[in-house]
Amino acid sequence: MQKGWTDNQLIGLITGILVPLLMAYLIYYFRFSGRDSFSGIIEELVKLKSLGKLLSVSVVPNLIFFFLSLSANKEKTARGLLGATILWGITAGILFIIR
C-alpha cells in the first residue's frame, strides 16, 4: 500500500504545531469571545501565569491525530506529531516553572 505525501514527518510536525493553536483559539471563541480580543485573553493569561494551562489543554487533540496516523500506518506523520507535542510540552513545562 502506497502511503503517499501524507506520510511525511514535516506534515506531522506542521499539523502538531497548528492544531494546538487552532484549539486555543476555539477555546477562546467558545469561552471568552464576548469579553476581550484573543490577544487580550493571552495577555491576561500571561499576567495570571496561566498560559501553560491553556497550552496543556490545547495539545490534547494532537493525541487524536497521533493515534489516527498510527492506525493508518503513517508512522512518519505520527513521529512528526509526537515531536511537535513534545515541543509544546516543553514550552508548557517552562511556563509552569517560571511562574
Protein backbone atom coordinates (compact mmCIF):
# COMPACT_ATOMS: atom_id res chain seq x y z
CA MET A 1 0.00 0.00 0.00
CA GLN A 2 1.44 3.35 -1.05
CA LYS A 3 1.42 5.91 1.76
CA GLY A 4 1.85 8.99 -0.43
CA TRP A 5 2.71 12.52 0.56
CA THR A 6 0.71 12.38 3.80
CA ASP A 7 3.22 10.00 5.41
CA ASN A 8 5.74 12.73 5.97
CA GLN A 9 7.37 13.87 9.19
CA LEU A 10 7.11 17.54 8.15
CA ILE A 11 3.34 17.19 7.63
CA GLY A 12 3.05 15.72 11.13
CA LEU A 13 5.19 18.49 12.62
CA ILE A 14 3.16 21.25 10.95
CA THR A 15 -0.12 19.59 11.98
CA GLY A 16 1.17 19.15 15.52
CA ILE A 17 2.03 22.83 15.76
CA LEU A 18 -1.12 24.22 14.11
CA VAL A 19 -3.74 22.03 15.81
CA PRO A 20 -2.99 23.32 19.35
CA LEU A 21 -3.05 26.91 18.08
CA LEU A 22 -6.44 26.27 16.49
CA MET A 23 -7.65 24.57 19.67
CA ALA A 24 -6.52 27.53 21.80
CA TYR A 25 -8.46 29.87 19.51
CA LEU A 26 -11.55 27.64 19.69
CA ILE A 27 -11.34 27.64 23.48
CA TYR A 28 -11.21 31.43 23.36
CA TYR A 29 -14.06 31.64 20.85
CA PHE A 30 -16.48 29.43 22.78
CA ARG A 31 -15.47 30.51 26.29
CA PHE A 32 -14.35 34.16 26.16
CA SER A 33 -15.41 35.61 22.80
CA GLY A 34 -17.66 38.37 24.16
CA ARG A 35 -15.21 39.65 26.77
CA ASP A 36 -11.99 40.64 25.05
CA SER A 37 -9.89 40.03 21.96
CA PHE A 38 -7.85 36.85 21.59
CA SER A 39 -4.61 38.77 22.20
CA GLY A 40 -6.19 40.41 25.26
CA ILE A 41 -7.05 37.00 26.71
CA ILE A 42 -3.50 35.76 26.03
CA GLU A 43 -2.07 38.85 27.77
CA GLU A 44 -4.38 38.25 30.75
CA LEU A 45 -3.31 34.60 30.93
CA VAL A 46 0.32 35.70 30.91
CA LYS A 47 -0.39 38.13 33.78
CA LEU A 48 -2.20 35.38 35.70
CA LYS A 49 0.61 32.95 34.83
CA SER A 50 -1.92 30.51 33.38
CA LEU A 51 -0.79 30.33 29.78
CA GLY A 52 0.81 26.93 30.45
CA LYS A 53 -2.60 25.56 31.40
CA LEU A 54 -4.09 26.70 28.11
CA LEU A 55 -1.20 25.11 26.22
CA SER A 56 -1.61 21.85 28.13
CA VAL A 57 -5.29 21.61 27.24
CA SER A 58 -4.71 22.70 23.64
CA VAL A 59 -2.26 19.86 22.97
CA VAL A 60 -4.79 17.11 23.76
CA PRO A 61 -6.22 16.97 20.19
CA ASN A 62 -2.75 16.00 18.96
CA LEU A 63 -3.39 12.62 20.60
CA ILE A 64 -6.33 12.04 18.27
CA PHE A 65 -4.24 12.82 15.19
CA PHE A 66 -1.34 10.77 16.55
CA PHE A 67 -3.47 7.65 17.01
CA LEU A 68 -5.23 8.17 13.67
CA SER A 69 -1.82 8.35 11.97
CA LEU A 70 -0.69 5.17 13.67
CA SER A 71 -3.87 3.32 12.78
CA ALA A 72 -3.42 4.39 9.15
CA ASN A 73 0.18 3.08 9.20
CA LYS A 74 1.61 6.58 8.72
CA GLU A 75 4.47 6.29 11.18
CA LYS A 76 6.43 9.26 9.84
CA THR A 77 3.45 11.56 10.30
CA ALA A 78 2.95 10.20 13.81
CA ARG A 79 6.63 10.84 14.52
CA GLY A 80 6.23 14.49 13.45
CA LEU A 81 3.12 14.85 15.60
CA LEU A 82 4.97 13.38 18.56
CA GLY A 83 7.87 15.78 18.04
CA ALA A 84 5.55 18.79 17.94
CA THR A 85 3.70 17.57 21.03
CA ILE A 86 7.00 17.22 22.88
CA LEU A 87 7.91 20.79 21.88
CA TRP A 88 4.55 22.05 23.16
CA GLY A 89 5.05 20.04 26.36
CA ILE A 90 8.50 21.55 26.91
CA THR A 91 7.05 25.03 26.33
CA ALA A 92 4.22 24.41 28.80
CA GLY A 93 6.71 22.96 31.32
CA ILE A 94 8.92 26.03 31.04
CA LEU A 95 5.89 28.27 31.57
CA PHE A 96 4.95 26.28 34.67
CA ILE A 97 8.50 26.52 36.04
CA ILE A 98 8.94 30.28 35.51
CA ARG A 99 5.68 31.27 37.13
